[in-house]
């Protein structure tokens, strides 16, 4: 499978860090893949925060 390369508008979604989010786009624009990427990123970041000990 080819690497997922984010477009500028998708990068904005993946960089989002606060509150609720609504994403509207045309069919086939990559919403599901982008939001899956964001979810994986948030889980990984949350996992790294909870496994770090001070």
N, C-alpha and C. Protein backbone atom coordinates (compact mmCIF):
# COMPACT_ATOMS: atom_id res chain seq x y z
N UNK A 1 0.85 -1.17 0.00
CA UNK A 1 0.00 0.00 0.00
C UNK A 1 0.89 1.24 0.00
N UNK A 2 0.50 2.24 -0.74
CA UNK A 2 1.26 3.49 -0.81
C UNK A 2 1.10 4.28 0.49
N UNK A 3 2.11 5.06 0.80
CA UNK A 3 2.05 5.91 1.99
C UNK A 3 0.95 6.95 1.83
N UNK A 4 0.34 7.29 2.93
CA UNK A 4 -0.72 8.29 2.93
C UNK A 4 -0.08 9.67 3.00
N UNK A 5 -0.24 10.46 1.96
CA UNK A 5 0.30 11.81 1.91
C UNK A 5 -0.84 12.80 2.08
N UNK A 6 -0.76 13.58 3.13
CA UNK A 6 -1.82 14.54 3.44
C UNK A 6 -1.77 15.76 2.53
N UNK A 7 -2.93 16.19 2.08
CA UNK A 7 -3.04 17.47 1.39
C UNK A 7 -3.15 18.57 2.45
N UNK A 8 -3.02 19.83 2.04
CA UNK A 8 -3.03 20.94 2.99
C UNK A 8 -4.29 20.96 3.86
N UNK A 9 -5.44 20.74 3.25
CA UNK A 9 -6.69 20.75 4.02
C UNK A 9 -6.76 19.58 4.99
N UNK A 10 -6.18 18.44 4.61
CA UNK A 10 -6.15 17.29 5.50
C UNK A 10 -5.17 17.52 6.65
N UNK A 11 -4.06 18.21 6.37
CA UNK A 11 -3.10 18.52 7.43
C UNK A 11 -3.74 19.38 8.51
N UNK A 12 -4.61 20.29 8.10
CA UNK A 12 -5.32 21.14 9.07
C UNK A 12 -6.20 20.30 9.99
N UNK A 13 -6.85 19.29 9.44
CA UNK A 13 -7.69 18.40 10.25
C UNK A 13 -6.83 17.61 11.22
N UNK A 14 -5.73 17.06 10.74
CA UNK A 14 -4.86 16.23 11.58
C UNK A 14 -4.18 17.06 12.67
N UNK A 15 -3.94 18.34 12.42
CA UNK A 15 -3.28 19.21 13.40
C UNK A 15 -4.25 19.75 14.45
N UNK A 16 -5.55 19.57 14.24
CA UNK A 16 -6.57 20.11 15.14
C UNK A 16 -6.43 19.49 16.53
N UNK A 17 -6.50 20.32 17.58
CA UNK A 17 -6.31 19.80 18.93
C UNK A 17 -7.41 20.15 19.92
N UNK A 18 -8.43 20.91 19.52
CA UNK A 18 -9.37 21.32 20.54
C UNK A 18 -10.82 21.11 20.22
N UNK A 19 -11.54 20.55 21.16
CA UNK A 19 -12.99 20.47 21.10
C UNK A 19 -13.58 19.65 19.97
N UNK A 20 -14.85 19.93 19.73
CA UNK A 20 -15.59 19.21 18.69
C UNK A 20 -15.14 19.65 17.31
N UNK A 21 -15.31 18.77 16.34
CA UNK A 21 -14.92 19.08 14.98
C UNK A 21 -15.96 18.54 14.02
N UNK A 22 -16.26 19.32 13.02
CA UNK A 22 -17.12 18.87 11.94
C UNK A 22 -16.31 18.93 10.65
N UNK A 23 -16.42 17.89 9.85
CA UNK A 23 -15.68 17.85 8.58
C UNK A 23 -16.69 17.60 7.48
N UNK A 24 -16.76 18.54 6.55
CA UNK A 24 -17.63 18.32 5.40
C UNK A 24 -16.77 18.38 4.15
N UNK A 25 -17.02 17.46 3.26
CA UNK A 25 -16.25 17.40 2.01
C UNK A 25 -17.02 16.52 1.04
N UNK A 26 -16.63 16.60 -0.20
CA UNK A 26 -17.29 15.81 -1.24
C UNK A 26 -16.91 14.34 -1.12
N UNK A 27 -17.73 13.44 -1.66
CA UNK A 27 -17.40 12.02 -1.64
C UNK A 27 -16.05 11.76 -2.32
N UNK A 28 -15.27 10.89 -1.71
CA UNK A 28 -13.99 10.51 -2.29
C UNK A 28 -12.87 11.48 -1.99
N UNK A 29 -13.09 12.41 -1.07
CA UNK A 29 -12.08 13.42 -0.77
C UNK A 29 -11.06 12.98 0.28
N UNK A 30 -11.30 11.83 0.90
CA UNK A 30 -10.34 11.32 1.88
C UNK A 30 -10.73 11.56 3.32
N UNK A 31 -12.01 11.82 3.59
CA UNK A 31 -12.46 12.09 4.97
C UNK A 31 -12.17 10.90 5.89
N UNK A 32 -12.58 9.73 5.48
CA UNK A 32 -12.42 8.55 6.33
C UNK A 32 -10.95 8.28 6.61
N UNK A 33 -10.12 8.34 5.62
CA UNK A 33 -8.69 8.08 5.81
C UNK A 33 -8.07 9.16 6.68
N UNK A 34 -8.44 10.40 6.47
CA UNK A 34 -7.89 11.50 7.27
C UNK A 34 -8.31 11.39 8.72
N UNK A 35 -9.59 11.11 8.97
CA UNK A 35 -10.06 11.00 10.35
C UNK A 35 -9.51 9.75 11.03
N UNK A 36 -9.30 8.68 10.27
CA UNK A 36 -8.66 7.48 10.82
C UNK A 36 -7.22 7.79 11.21
N UNK A 37 -6.53 8.55 10.38
CA UNK A 37 -5.16 8.98 10.67
C UNK A 37 -5.13 9.82 11.94
N UNK A 38 -6.08 10.76 12.06
CA UNK A 38 -6.18 11.60 13.25
C UNK A 38 -6.45 10.75 14.49
N UNK A 39 -7.37 9.82 14.40
CA UNK A 39 -7.70 8.96 15.54
C UNK A 39 -6.47 8.15 15.98
N UNK A 40 -5.75 7.59 15.02
CA UNK A 40 -4.55 6.82 15.35
C UNK A 40 -3.51 7.70 16.03
N UNK A 41 -3.36 8.93 15.53
CA UNK A 41 -2.41 9.87 16.11
C UNK A 41 -2.80 10.21 17.56
N UNK A 42 -4.08 10.47 17.79
CA UNK A 42 -4.54 10.81 19.14
C UNK A 42 -4.37 9.64 20.09
N UNK A 43 -4.66 8.44 19.63
CA UNK A 43 -4.48 7.25 20.47
C UNK A 43 -3.01 7.08 20.81
N UNK A 44 -2.14 7.20 19.81
CA UNK A 44 -0.70 7.06 20.05
C UNK A 44 -0.19 8.11 21.03
N UNK A 45 -0.63 9.35 20.86
CA UNK A 45 -0.21 10.42 21.76
C UNK A 45 -0.76 10.20 23.16
N UNK A 46 -1.99 9.75 23.25
CA UNK A 46 -2.58 9.45 24.56
C UNK A 46 -1.87 8.30 25.23
N UNK A 47 -1.52 7.29 24.46
CA UNK A 47 -0.80 6.14 25.00
C UNK A 47 0.57 6.57 25.49
N UNK A 48 1.23 7.44 24.75
CA UNK A 48 2.56 7.87 25.18
C UNK A 48 2.48 8.73 26.44
N UNK A 49 1.40 9.51 26.57
CA UNK A 49 1.23 10.32 27.78
C UNK A 49 0.95 9.45 29.00
N UNK A 50 0.16 8.40 28.82
CA UNK A 50 -0.20 7.58 29.97
C UNK A 50 0.90 6.61 30.35
N UNK A 51 1.82 6.32 29.45
CA UNK A 51 2.91 5.39 29.79
C UNK A 51 4.13 6.11 30.33
N UNK A 52 4.21 7.43 30.15
CA UNK A 52 5.35 8.19 30.69
C UNK A 52 5.18 8.35 32.19
N UNK A 53 6.24 8.16 32.88
CA UNK A 53 6.24 8.36 34.34
C UNK A 53 7.16 9.51 34.67
N UNK A 54 6.71 10.39 35.55
CA UNK A 54 7.54 11.55 35.95
C UNK A 54 8.34 11.22 37.17
